[in-house]
Amino acid sequence: MTRAWTIAALALAAAPALAGPAQQPRNVPDLRPVPPHADETRCDRCHTTEGWSDVAFAHERTGFPLRGAHATVTCKRCHAVSFTQAIGRDCLSCHRDVHEGRLGGRCAGCHDEASWRTRFDADAHRRGNFPLVGRHAFLPCEECHGDRRDRGFARSTPACIDCHRKDYERTRATALDHIAAGFSTACQQCHQPWRFAGAFFAQHEACFPIASGRHAFIRCLACHTTLAGFAITGACSTNTAACTRCHQATCAHHPQVPGFACADRKCYECHPGGAAGDGGGGLVGPRRTKP
């Protein structure tokens, strides 16, 4: 009897062990910790024993080193789904294109990793179709491209007259009415980008060279008595050139020249190039400097 009871007691004691682990009671919440990364349990790959928030993952090994502002972004900001799921490395994979594709997807051409603030300046503008030269380099972007909401820079390259129409129309009140004379609205044909003063009329070369020599940089009304009513016709006959205004003293050197007369038209007939010796008359006059 004693042996039978001993066998029964051992059987009852072994029963729970043979039946397996105890089952979780129903309607009782599971309080066991859930791993934050279901697909990765090697915590020591990123975390250290000093603190759970001290992540020391060598991101440069992925081919995308974290520099600038990227170094302060939380991991989940980019890897929202999984750390094993590949994500794009181009800027547009994470950044919304406010330019709507007009400037391409190479954001690094204008932006850097330290700040999203643009690095597109006057020097970079040279790579476009409107290099910023002279005073244009000091204009704020909004003056040509609208307000800051137009971040797409969709506006095409403006023509001179688009920005300088008022300057063009203002010449009505000056000695040289551009509208009446028929000057082109392509301002760069005569003006340089620093200022309107010091203009150069290229068509003048066919009549009387002023690009170089003693007559270079002379203002229009320094030679012409008036340009009111002047119109561009291609003819060299304004009849307003006043050579003797500067060269009156040279008249005394020409009495021996056959047909000589101290008159503006005669000066031009003998010296069409404006230089001494053009017509054998030996024009001599004071050298004019840049105004």
Protein backbone atom coordinates (compact mmCIF):
# COMPACT_ATOMS: atom_id res chain seq x y z
CA MET A 1 0.00 0.00 0.00
CA THR A 2 2.76 2.37 0.94
CA ARG A 3 4.50 1.75 -2.38
CA ALA A 4 1.28 2.39 -4.36
CA TRP A 5 0.70 5.71 -2.64
CA THR A 6 4.26 6.77 -3.33
CA ILE A 7 3.89 6.08 -7.06
CA ALA A 8 0.61 8.03 -7.21
CA ALA A 9 2.12 11.03 -5.45
CA LEU A 10 5.06 11.14 -7.87
CA ALA A 11 2.69 10.92 -10.84
CA LEU A 12 0.64 13.89 -9.61
CA ALA A 13 3.79 15.93 -8.99
CA ALA A 14 5.08 15.31 -12.52
CA ALA A 15 1.78 16.08 -14.25
CA PRO A 16 2.17 19.93 -14.45
CA ALA A 17 5.66 19.56 -15.87
CA LEU A 18 4.49 17.15 -18.57
CA ALA A 19 1.55 19.35 -19.47
CA GLY A 20 3.88 22.27 -20.46
CA PRO A 21 3.99 25.93 -19.26
CA ALA A 22 1.04 27.45 -17.59
CA GLN A 23 -1.44 29.09 -19.95
CA GLN A 24 -2.08 32.86 -19.73
CA PRO A 25 -5.44 33.36 -18.05
CA ARG A 26 -8.12 34.79 -20.29
CA ASN A 27 -9.00 38.53 -20.22
CA VAL A 28 -5.66 39.37 -18.58
CA PRO A 29 -3.46 41.89 -20.52
CA ASP A 30 -0.06 40.72 -21.72
CA LEU A 31 2.42 42.98 -19.93
CA ARG A 32 5.51 41.51 -21.50
CA PRO A 33 7.66 44.23 -23.30
CA VAL A 34 7.29 44.38 -27.08
CA PRO A 35 10.55 44.84 -29.03
CA PRO A 36 10.55 48.29 -30.71
CA HIS A 37 12.00 46.81 -33.90
CA ALA A 38 10.23 43.60 -34.73
CA ASP A 39 12.68 42.73 -37.48
CA GLU A 40 15.86 43.34 -35.50
CA THR A 41 16.74 42.11 -32.00
CA ARG A 42 20.48 42.79 -31.98
CA CYS A 43 20.18 45.83 -29.70
CA ASP A 44 23.94 46.21 -29.30
CA ARG A 45 24.27 47.11 -32.98
CA CYS A 46 22.88 50.57 -32.29
CA HIS A 47 22.50 51.04 -28.53
CA THR A 48 25.10 51.24 -25.79
CA THR A 49 25.07 50.24 -22.15
CA GLU A 50 25.39 53.88 -21.05
CA GLY A 51 21.87 54.76 -22.12
CA TRP A 52 19.07 53.47 -24.31
CA SER A 53 18.74 56.80 -26.16
CA ASP A 54 22.44 56.93 -27.01
CA VAL A 55 22.35 55.49 -30.52
CA ALA A 56 25.73 54.76 -32.02
CA PHE A 57 24.92 53.37 -35.45
CA ALA A 58 27.66 53.96 -38.04
CA HIS A 59 25.35 55.27 -40.75
CA GLU A 60 28.24 56.02 -43.12
CA ARG A 61 28.54 52.28 -43.71
CA THR A 62 25.25 52.45 -45.62
CA GLY A 63 26.75 54.85 -48.15
CA PHE A 64 24.75 57.80 -46.81
CA PRO A 65 26.73 59.58 -44.09
CA LEU A 66 24.65 61.83 -41.87
CA ARG A 67 25.97 65.38 -42.08
CA GLY A 68 24.58 68.75 -41.15
CA ALA A 69 20.89 68.76 -40.30
CA HIS A 70 20.59 65.07 -41.20
CA ALA A 71 22.64 64.21 -38.10
CA THR A 72 19.91 65.59 -35.80
CA VAL A 73 16.96 63.85 -37.46
CA THR A 74 15.47 60.89 -35.57
CA CYS A 75 15.89 57.47 -37.15
CA LYS A 76 12.14 56.95 -37.51
CA ARG A 77 11.83 60.21 -39.43
CA CYS A 78 13.38 58.49 -42.43
CA HIS A 79 12.86 54.81 -41.57
CA ALA A 80 9.20 55.05 -40.66
CA VAL A 81 8.32 51.48 -41.71
CA SER A 82 11.37 49.32 -41.06
CA PHE A 83 15.12 49.57 -40.71
CA THR A 84 15.58 46.74 -43.17
CA GLN A 85 13.38 48.23 -45.86
CA ALA A 86 15.43 50.21 -48.39
CA ILE A 87 14.65 53.89 -48.92
CA GLY A 88 15.73 56.23 -51.67
CA ARG A 89 18.92 58.24 -51.25
CA ASP A 90 17.95 61.13 -53.49
CA CYS A 91 16.62 64.34 -51.96
CA LEU A 92 13.12 63.93 -53.36
CA SER A 93 12.67 60.68 -51.41
CA CYS A 94 12.23 62.75 -48.24
CA HIS A 95 11.85 66.38 -49.32
CA ARG A 96 8.83 67.85 -51.07
CA ASP A 97 9.76 69.60 -54.28
CA VAL A 98 8.43 73.15 -53.90
CA HIS A 99 9.74 73.93 -57.40
CA GLU A 100 7.35 71.38 -58.92
CA GLY A 101 10.02 69.73 -61.03
CA ARG A 102 11.04 72.89 -62.87
CA LEU A 103 14.58 72.87 -61.48
CA GLY A 104 15.22 69.14 -61.56
CA GLY A 105 15.84 66.83 -58.63
CA ARG A 106 19.42 67.77 -57.73
CA CYS A 107 18.60 69.85 -54.65
CA ALA A 108 22.27 69.88 -53.61
CA GLY A 109 22.96 72.26 -56.49
CA CYS A 110 21.33 75.07 -54.50
CA HIS A 111 20.88 73.69 -50.96
CA ASP A 112 23.34 72.16 -48.52
CA GLU A 113 22.94 69.74 -45.62
CA ALA A 114 23.58 72.32 -42.92
CA SER A 115 20.52 74.38 -43.82
CA TRP A 116 17.77 74.30 -46.41
CA ARG A 117 18.49 77.96 -47.11
CA THR A 118 19.38 78.43 -50.75
CA ARG A 119 22.96 78.92 -51.90
CA PHE A 120 21.84 80.05 -55.36
CA ASP A 121 23.51 83.45 -55.67
CA ALA A 122 24.68 85.78 -58.41
CA ASP A 123 27.65 83.53 -59.15
CA ALA A 124 25.44 80.47 -59.58
CA HIS A 125 23.07 82.55 -61.72
CA ARG A 126 25.79 82.63 -64.38
CA ARG A 127 24.94 79.02 -65.19
CA GLY A 128 21.48 80.14 -66.26
CA ASN A 129 20.47 82.07 -69.36
CA PHE A 130 20.54 85.46 -67.61
CA PRO A 131 23.94 86.06 -65.96
CA LEU A 132 23.71 88.72 -63.27
CA VAL A 133 26.23 91.35 -64.30
CA GLY A 134 26.69 94.86 -62.95
CA ARG A 135 23.83 96.25 -60.89
CA HIS A 136 21.68 93.21 -61.64
CA ALA A 137 23.84 91.27 -59.18
CA PHE A 138 22.56 93.42 -56.31
CA LEU A 139 18.86 93.04 -57.01
CA PRO A 140 16.75 90.89 -54.66
CA CYS A 141 15.39 87.75 -56.29
CA GLU A 142 11.79 88.92 -55.82
CA GLU A 143 12.30 91.92 -58.07
CA CYS A 144 12.51 89.66 -61.11
CA HIS A 145 10.89 86.44 -59.91
CA GLY A 146 7.88 87.82 -58.05
CA ASP A 147 7.34 87.29 -54.34
CA ARG A 148 8.73 84.43 -52.28
CA ARG A 149 5.64 82.33 -52.95
CA ASP A 150 6.88 81.92 -56.52
CA ARG A 151 9.56 79.50 -55.41
CA GLY A 152 9.32 77.61 -58.65
CA PHE A 153 11.14 80.41 -60.50
CA ALA A 154 8.88 79.61 -63.44
CA ARG A 155 9.09 83.10 -64.88
CA SER A 156 11.02 83.13 -68.14
CA THR A 157 14.05 85.33 -68.64
CA PRO A 158 12.71 88.88 -68.90
CA ALA A 159 13.58 91.23 -71.72
CA CYS A 160 15.15 94.58 -70.84
CA ILE A 161 11.95 96.48 -71.55
CA ASP A 162 10.02 94.28 -69.09
CA CYS A 163 11.90 95.92 -66.23
CA HIS A 164 13.00 99.20 -67.80
CA ARG A 165 9.91 100.39 -69.64
CA LYS A 166 9.60 103.43 -67.40
CA ASP A 167 13.24 104.31 -68.03
CA TYR A 168 12.66 103.99 -71.76
CA GLU A 169 9.56 106.21 -71.69
CA ARG A 170 11.29 108.73 -69.43
CA THR A 171 13.59 109.67 -72.31
CA ARG A 172 10.73 111.71 -73.81
CA ALA A 173 11.77 114.49 -71.46
CA THR A 174 15.49 114.25 -72.30
CA ALA A 175 17.64 115.54 -75.12
CA LEU A 176 17.46 112.15 -76.86
CA ASP A 177 13.90 110.88 -77.15
CA HIS A 178 14.38 107.13 -77.62
CA ILE A 179 10.81 106.60 -78.75
CA ALA A 180 10.84 109.35 -81.39
CA ALA A 181 14.29 108.30 -82.58
CA GLY A 182 13.21 104.67 -82.89
CA PHE A 183 15.82 103.17 -80.59
CA SER A 184 15.46 99.46 -79.86
CA THR A 185 13.95 98.36 -76.56
CA ALA A 186 16.88 95.93 -76.19
CA CYS A 187 18.73 98.26 -73.83
CA GLN A 188 21.95 96.24 -73.91
CA GLN A 189 22.55 97.33 -77.51
CA CYS A 190 23.66 100.73 -76.24
CA HIS A 191 23.87 100.56 -72.45
CA GLN A 192 26.09 98.57 -70.10
CA PRO A 193 24.72 96.88 -66.96
CA TRP A 194 26.19 99.25 -64.39
CA ARG A 195 24.36 102.44 -65.36
CA PHE A 196 22.60 104.03 -68.29
CA ALA A 197 25.13 106.85 -68.58
CA GLY A 198 28.02 106.16 -70.91
CA ALA A 199 25.89 104.65 -73.66
CA PHE A 200 27.44 103.49 -76.93
CA PHE A 201 25.53 103.66 -80.20
CA ALA A 202 27.07 100.95 -82.37
CA GLN A 203 25.53 102.24 -85.61
CA HIS A 204 27.54 105.42 -85.16
CA GLU A 205 30.67 103.51 -86.21
CA ALA A 206 29.50 103.35 -89.82
CA CYS A 207 29.33 107.13 -89.96
CA PHE A 208 32.02 108.28 -87.56
CA PRO A 209 34.02 105.93 -85.29
CA ILE A 210 33.64 106.64 -81.60
CA ALA A 211 34.58 103.27 -80.15
CA SER A 212 38.24 104.22 -79.81
CA GLY A 213 40.66 107.05 -80.35
CA ARG A 214 40.28 110.65 -79.27
CA HIS A 215 36.53 110.65 -79.72
CA ALA A 216 35.86 107.64 -77.51
CA PHE A 217 33.58 108.16 -74.49
CA ILE A 218 32.40 111.59 -75.66
CA ARG A 219 28.81 112.32 -74.74
CA CYS A 220 26.35 112.70 -77.60
CA LEU A 221 25.65 116.38 -76.97
CA ALA A 222 29.34 117.16 -76.62
CA CYS A 223 29.56 116.84 -80.41
CA HIS A 224 25.96 117.35 -81.53
CA THR A 225 24.28 120.69 -80.99
CA THR A 226 20.93 118.96 -80.64
CA LEU A 227 19.32 115.57 -81.16
CA ALA A 228 15.74 116.69 -80.85
CA GLY A 229 13.68 115.10 -83.58
CA PHE A 230 16.51 112.70 -84.45
CA ALA A 231 15.40 109.45 -86.03
CA ILE A 232 17.45 106.37 -86.92
CA THR A 233 17.41 106.09 -90.71
CA GLY A 234 20.87 104.67 -91.40
CA ALA A 235 21.97 107.89 -93.11
CA CYS A 236 24.93 109.88 -91.82
CA SER A 237 23.29 113.27 -92.10
CA THR A 238 22.05 114.70 -88.83
CA ASN A 239 23.68 118.02 -89.71
CA THR A 240 24.12 118.66 -86.00
CA ALA A 241 27.77 117.66 -85.49
CA ALA A 242 29.75 120.65 -84.15
CA CYS A 243 33.38 119.84 -84.91
CA THR A 244 34.50 123.44 -84.53
CA ARG A 245 33.21 123.51 -80.96
CA CYS A 246 36.34 121.63 -79.94
CA HIS A 247 38.57 122.21 -82.96
CA GLN A 248 38.19 125.95 -83.57
CA ALA A 249 41.91 126.51 -83.02
CA THR A 250 42.81 124.13 -85.84
CA CYS A 251 41.24 126.41 -88.44
CA ALA A 252 44.38 128.55 -88.31
CA HIS A 253 46.48 125.63 -89.55
CA HIS A 254 44.51 125.01 -92.75
CA PRO A 255 44.54 128.20 -94.91
CA GLN A 256 46.95 126.57 -97.35
CA VAL A 257 44.61 123.58 -97.90
CA PRO A 258 42.72 123.95 -101.20
CA GLY A 259 38.98 124.33 -100.65
CA PHE A 260 39.38 124.69 -96.93
CA ALA A 261 36.66 126.36 -94.90
CA CYS A 262 36.35 126.53 -91.14
CA ALA A 263 33.02 124.77 -91.12
CA ASP A 264 31.75 121.63 -89.43
CA ARG A 265 30.82 119.92 -92.66
CA LYS A 266 34.27 120.56 -94.14
CA CYS A 267 35.94 118.96 -91.10
CA TYR A 268 33.97 115.80 -91.64
CA GLU A 269 34.61 115.70 -95.41
CA CYS A 270 38.37 115.66 -94.85
CA HIS A 271 38.46 113.66 -91.63
CA PRO A 272 35.64 111.08 -91.80
CA GLY A 273 37.51 108.86 -89.37
CA GLY A 274 38.08 111.63 -86.85
CA ALA A 275 41.86 111.18 -86.85
CA ALA A 276 44.63 113.48 -87.99
CA GLY A 277 45.70 112.70 -91.53
CA ASP A 278 42.41 111.10 -92.63
CA GLY A 279 42.19 113.48 -95.55
CA GLY A 280 45.65 114.94 -95.50
CA GLY A 281 44.50 117.98 -93.58
CA GLY A 282 46.20 117.12 -90.33
CA LEU A 283 43.31 117.53 -87.89
CA VAL A 284 44.71 118.50 -84.52
CA GLY A 285 42.55 118.97 -81.48
CA PRO A 286 42.42 118.48 -77.73
CA ARG A 287 42.15 114.92 -76.52
CA ARG A 288 38.80 114.24 -74.90
CA THR A 289 38.59 112.06 -71.83
CA LYS A 290 35.85 109.88 -70.46
CA PRO A 291 33.11 112.08 -68.96
